[in-house]
C-alpha atoms as a PDB file:
ATOM      1  CA  MET A   1      -6.511 -25.656  24.538  1.00  0.00           C
ATOM      2  CA  GLN A   2      -7.502 -23.874  21.351  1.00  0.00           C
ATOM      3  CA  TYR A   3      -6.803 -20.196  20.784  1.00  0.00           C
ATOM      4  CA  ARG A   4      -8.976 -18.093  18.547  1.00  0.00           C
ATOM      5  CA  ARG A   5      -8.386 -14.616  17.293  1.00  0.00           C
ATOM      6  CA  LYS A   6     -10.854 -12.464  15.449  1.00  0.00           C
ATOM      7  CA  VAL A   7      -9.587 -12.028  11.907  1.00  0.00           C
ATOM      8  CA  THR A   8     -10.420  -8.553  10.646  1.00  0.00           C
ATOM      9  CA  PRO A   9      -9.492  -6.942   7.325  1.00  0.00           C
ATOM     10  CA  LEU A  10      -6.770  -5.037   9.194  1.00  0.00           C
ATOM     11  CA  VAL A  11      -5.218  -8.252  10.504  1.00  0.00           C
ATOM     12  CA  VAL A  12      -5.286  -9.789   7.031  1.00  0.00           C
ATOM     13  CA  ALA A  13      -3.810  -6.644   5.439  1.00  0.00           C
ATOM     14  CA  THR A  14      -1.032  -6.479   8.028  1.00  0.00           C
ATOM     15  CA  MET A  15      -0.213 -10.169   7.567  1.00  0.00           C
ATOM     16  CA  LEU A  16      -0.157  -9.836   3.767  1.00  0.00           C
ATOM     17  CA  ALA A  17       2.054  -6.730   3.895  1.00  0.00           C
ATOM     18  CA  SER A  18       4.477  -8.495   6.220  1.00  0.00           C
ATOM     19  CA  LEU A  19       4.505 -11.633   4.071  1.00  0.00           C
ATOM     20  CA  TYR A  20       5.083  -9.662   0.871  1.00  0.00           C
ATOM     21  CA  ALA A  21       7.884  -7.646   2.406  1.00  0.00           C
ATOM     22  CA  ALA A  22       9.573 -10.675   3.980  1.00  0.00           C
ATOM     23  CA  CYS A  23       9.555 -12.815   0.828  1.00  0.00           C
ATOM     24  CA  GLY A  24      11.272 -10.499  -1.649  1.00  0.00           C
ATOM     25  CA  THR A  25      12.525 -11.777  -4.995  1.00  0.00           C
ATOM     26  CA  ASN A  26      16.131 -12.992  -5.059  1.00  0.00           C
ATOM     27  CA  GLY A  27      17.495  -9.761  -3.634  1.00  0.00           C
ATOM     28  CA  SER A  28      15.928  -7.593  -6.324  1.00  0.00           C
ATOM     29  CA  ASP A  29      13.404  -6.184  -3.873  1.00  0.00           C
ATOM     30  CA  PRO A  30      15.031  -3.065  -2.319  1.00  0.00           C
ATOM     31  CA  ILE A  31      12.937  -3.334   0.840  1.00  0.00           C
ATOM     32  CA  ALA A  32      13.345  -7.034   1.630  1.00  0.00           C
ATOM     33  CA  PRO A  33      17.010  -6.976   2.786  1.00  0.00           C
ATOM     34  CA  ALA A  34      16.206  -4.306   5.366  1.00  0.00           C
ATOM     35  CA  ILE A  35      13.487  -6.358   7.026  1.00  0.00           C
ATOM     36  CA  ARG A  36      14.768  -9.930   6.712  1.00  0.00           C
ATOM     37  CA  ASN A  37      17.032  -9.604   9.711  1.00  0.00           C
ATOM     38  CA  THR A  38      15.601 -12.027  12.240  1.00  0.00           C
ATOM     39  CA  PRO A  39      15.105 -15.788  12.123  1.00  0.00           C
ATOM     40  CA  LEU A  40      11.423 -15.407  13.022  1.00  0.00           C
ATOM     41  CA  GLY A  41      10.473 -12.762  10.494  1.00  0.00           C
ATOM     42  CA  PRO A  42      10.538  -9.017  10.010  1.00  0.00           C
ATOM     43  CA  ASP A  43      11.946  -6.868  12.784  1.00  0.00           C
ATOM     44  CA  THR A  44       9.541  -3.972  13.178  1.00  0.00           C
ATOM     45  CA  SER A  45      11.442  -2.201  15.951  1.00  0.00           C
ATOM     46  CA  SER A  46      12.080   1.522  15.712  1.00  0.00           C
ATOM     47  CA  ALA A  47      15.683   0.764  14.691  1.00  0.00           C
ATOM     48  CA  VAL A  48      14.408  -0.565  11.338  1.00  0.00           C
ATOM     49  CA  ILE A  49      11.429   1.716  10.668  1.00  0.00           C
ATOM     50  CA  PRO A  50      12.433   5.314   9.860  1.00  0.00           C
ATOM     51  CA  ASP A  51      10.774   8.239  11.607  1.00  0.00           C
ATOM     52  CA  LYS A  52       9.729   9.893   8.341  1.00  0.00           C
ATOM     53  CA  VAL A  53       9.477   8.827   4.701  1.00  0.00           C
ATOM     54  CA  SER A  54       8.439  10.434   1.438  1.00  0.00           C
ATOM     55  CA  LEU A  55       5.825   8.608  -0.606  1.00  0.00           C
ATOM     56  CA  THR A  56       4.814   9.027  -4.229  1.00  0.00           C
ATOM     57  CA  GLY A  57       2.148   7.058  -5.999  1.00  0.00           C
ATOM     58  CA  ARG A  58      -0.329   6.696  -8.813  1.00  0.00           C
ATOM     59  CA  VAL A  59      -3.871   5.502  -9.219  1.00  0.00           C
ATOM     60  CA  LEU A  60      -4.121   3.650 -12.529  1.00  0.00           C
ATOM     61  CA  ALA A  61      -7.193   2.304 -14.317  1.00  0.00           C
ATOM     62  CA  LEU A  62      -6.832  -0.944 -16.224  1.00  0.00           C
ATOM     63  CA  SER A  63      -8.555  -1.262 -19.578  1.00  0.00           C
ATOM     64  CA  VAL A  64      -8.453  -3.901 -22.316  1.00  0.00           C
ATOM     65  CA  HIS A  65      -8.182  -2.884 -25.957  1.00  0.00           C
ATOM     66  CA  ARG A  66      -9.526  -5.601 -28.244  1.00  0.00           C
ATOM     67  CA  ALA A  67      -8.515  -3.773 -31.432  1.00  0.00           C
ATOM     68  CA  ASN A  68      -4.829  -4.014 -30.501  1.00  0.00           C
ATOM     69  CA  GLN A  69      -4.719  -7.806 -30.076  1.00  0.00           C
ATOM     70  CA  ASP A  70      -6.122  -7.810 -26.540  1.00  0.00           C
ATOM     71  CA  THR A  71      -3.525  -5.488 -25.063  1.00  0.00           C
ATOM     72  CA  LEU A  72      -3.816  -3.963 -21.605  1.00  0.00           C
ATOM     73  CA  GLN A  73      -3.520  -0.255 -21.028  1.00  0.00           C
ATOM     74  CA  PHE A  74      -3.136   1.670 -17.773  1.00  0.00           C
ATOM     75  CA  THR A  75      -4.365   5.244 -17.500  1.00  0.00           C
ATOM     76  CA  GLY A  76      -3.941   7.657 -14.580  1.00  0.00           C
ATOM     77  CA  VAL A  77      -7.194   8.426 -12.748  1.00  0.00           C
ATOM     78  CA  ALA A  78      -7.652  12.128 -11.977  1.00  0.00           C
ATOM     79  CA  ARG A  79      -9.478  13.405  -8.872  1.00  0.00           C
ATOM     80  CA  SER A  80      -9.300  10.081  -6.996  1.00  0.00           C
ATOM     81  CA  LYS A  81      -9.492  10.318  -3.225  1.00  0.00           C
ATOM     82  CA  VAL A  82      -6.514   8.558  -1.624  1.00  0.00           C
ATOM     83  CA  ARG A  83      -6.289   7.612   2.056  1.00  0.00           C
ATOM     84  CA  LEU A  84      -2.993   6.562   3.638  1.00  0.00           C
ATOM     85  CA  VAL A  85      -3.752   4.350   6.625  1.00  0.00           C
ATOM     86  CA  ARG A  86      -0.898   3.179   8.866  1.00  0.00           C
ATOM     87  CA  ASN A  87      -1.168  -0.229  10.525  1.00  0.00           C
ATOM     88  CA  ILE A  88       0.099  -0.136  14.123  1.00  0.00           C
ATOM     89  CA  LEU A  89      -0.156  -2.098  17.361  1.00  0.00           C
ATOM     90  CA  VAL A  90      -1.751  -0.435  20.397  1.00  0.00           C
ATOM     91  CA  ASP A  91      -1.655  -2.471  23.597  1.00  0.00           C
ATOM     92  CA  GLY A  92      -1.190  -5.622  21.529  1.00  0.00           C
ATOM     93  CA  GLU A  93      -4.148  -4.922  19.233  1.00  0.00           C
ATOM     94  CA  ALA A  94      -3.880  -4.068  15.551  1.00  0.00           C
ATOM     95  CA  ARG A  95      -5.196  -0.604  14.671  1.00  0.00           C
ATOM     96  CA  GLN A  96      -5.401   1.510  11.558  1.00  0.00           C
ATOM     97  CA  VAL A  97      -4.535   5.187  11.871  1.00  0.00           C
ATOM     98  CA  LEU A  98      -5.386   7.670   9.112  1.00  0.00           C
ATOM     99  CA  VAL A  99      -2.177   9.516   8.221  1.00  0.00           C
ATOM    100  CA  ALA A 100      -3.206  11.526   5.145  1.00  0.00           C
ATOM    101  CA  GLN A 101      -6.056  12.164   2.730  1.00  0.00           C
ATOM    102  CA  LEU A 102      -5.012  13.249  -0.735  1.00  0.00           C
ATOM    103  CA  THR A 103      -6.493  13.866  -4.180  1.00  0.00           C
ATOM    104  CA  THR A 104      -4.744  12.699  -7.335  1.00  0.00           C
ATOM    105  CA  SER A 105      -3.568  15.125 -10.016  1.00  0.00           C
ATOM    106  CA  SER A 106      -4.834  15.128 -13.597  1.00  0.00           C
ATOM    107  CA  THR A 107      -2.394  12.268 -14.334  1.00  0.00           C
ATOM    108  CA  GLY A 108      -3.384  10.155 -11.314  1.00  0.00           C
ATOM    109  CA  ASP A 109      -0.291  11.047  -9.262  1.00  0.00           C
ATOM    110  CA  PHE A 110      -0.151  11.822  -5.535  1.00  0.00           C
ATOM    111  CA  ALA A 111       2.586  12.518  -2.987  1.00  0.00           C
ATOM    112  CA  ALA A 112       2.969  12.685   0.785  1.00  0.00           C
ATOM    113  CA  ASN A 113       6.176  13.910   2.406  1.00  0.00           C
ATOM    114  CA  GLY A 114       7.201  13.442   6.021  1.00  0.00           C
ATOM    115  CA  ILE A 115       4.807  10.611   6.904  1.00  0.00           C
ATOM    116  CA  PRO A 116       5.844   8.088   9.580  1.00  0.00           C
ATOM    117  CA  GLY A 117       7.567   4.958   8.322  1.00  0.00           C
ATOM    118  CA  GLY A 118       5.769   1.640   8.776  1.00  0.00           C
ATOM    119  CA  TYR A 119       3.196  -0.603   7.175  1.00  0.00           C
ATOM    120  CA  TYR A 120       0.351   0.998   5.238  1.00  0.00           C
ATOM    121  CA  ALA A 121      -2.844   0.301   3.366  1.00  0.00           C
ATOM    122  CA  VAL A 122      -3.338   2.836   0.568  1.00  0.00           C
ATOM    123  CA  TYR A 123      -7.020   3.150  -0.363  1.00  0.00           C
ATOM    124  CA  ALA A 124      -8.088   4.760  -3.657  1.00  0.00           C
ATOM    125  CA  GLU A 125     -11.615   5.887  -4.475  1.00  0.00           C
ATOM    126  CA  PRO A 126     -12.076   7.151  -8.050  1.00  0.00           C
ATOM    127  CA  PRO A 127     -14.694   9.839  -8.719  1.00  0.00           C
ATOM    128  CA  ALA A 128     -18.244   8.472  -8.903  1.00  0.00           C
ATOM    129  CA  ASP A 129     -18.643   9.569 -12.526  1.00  0.00           C
ATOM    130  CA  ALA A 130     -15.551   7.579 -13.633  1.00  0.00           C
ATOM    131  CA  GLY A 131     -17.329   4.201 -13.449  1.00  0.00           C
ATOM    132  CA  LEU A 132     -14.365   2.616 -11.664  1.00  0.00           C
ATOM    133  CA  THR A 133     -14.109   0.399  -8.581  1.00  0.00           C
ATOM    134  CA  LYS A 134     -12.493   1.322  -5.278  1.00  0.00           C
ATOM    135  CA  SER A 135      -9.240  -0.477  -4.564  1.00  0.00           C
ATOM    136  CA  TYR A 136      -6.223  -0.582  -2.264  1.00  0.00           C
ATOM    137  CA  ALA A 137      -2.559  -1.530  -2.137  1.00  0.00           C
ATOM    138  CA  LEU A 138      -0.390  -2.668   0.771  1.00  0.00           C
ATOM    139  CA  LEU A 139       2.896  -0.930   1.401  1.00  0.00           C
ATOM    140  CA  ALA A 140       5.955  -1.418   3.625  1.00  0.00           C
ATOM    141  CA  ALA A 141       7.413   2.088   4.005  1.00  0.00           C
ATOM    142  CA  LEU A 142      10.735   1.061   5.516  1.00  0.00           C
ATOM    143  CA  LYS A 143      13.013   3.457   3.655  1.00  0.00           C
ATOM    144  CA  SER A 144      12.589   6.691   1.769  1.00  0.00           C
ATOM    145  CA  PRO A 145      11.520   7.395  -0.930  1.00  0.00           C
ATOM    146  CA  VAL A 146       8.664   4.907  -1.322  1.00  0.00           C
ATOM    147  CA  GLN A 147       6.532   4.367  -4.428  1.00  0.00           C
ATOM    148  CA  VAL A 148       3.132   2.698  -4.680  1.00  0.00           C
ATOM    149  CA  THR A 149       0.590   2.064  -7.431  1.00  0.00           C
ATOM    150  CA  VAL A 150      -3.081   1.379  -6.791  1.00  0.00           C
ATOM    151  CA  TYR A 151      -4.863  -0.340  -9.673  1.00  0.00           C
ATOM    152  CA  VAL A 152      -8.597   0.148 -10.239  1.00  0.00           C
ATOM    153  CA  SER A 153     -10.846  -1.337 -12.907  1.00  0.00           C
ATOM    154  CA  LYS A 154     -14.198  -0.713 -14.555  1.00  0.00           C
ATOM    155  CA  ARG A 155     -17.308  -1.675 -12.626  1.00  0.00           C
END
């Protein structure tokens, strides 16, 4: 018998976030030791995921400067709309729940305090007049404080 499951962007994002968090890098990842505690993968029980976390982040635009020997530069993107979307299971089905909508400061920074711990997709939408693409980052908010950077580029 063959089983099929509809693969949605949410399922892919959740799988990628779990894979990233579970892999770590030789113990240098501060999140990985907290979630690599079962032989089958991350334990997402309430004992591991905190009730509340504080999150800070930045939306950065990537640009290439040919005059400086092809160097890359990252600049904060002001007035970007940021959505924090928590990935959860409801009756065995993956769901995304909007937790917060924020706007970045003049330096591209944003912050959210007291959000539920868990796995997130952080979506960034720069202002239309900036000529930049929308983007997202995946985040495992398993201890506080949490930092995230969302990189956008020119269209």
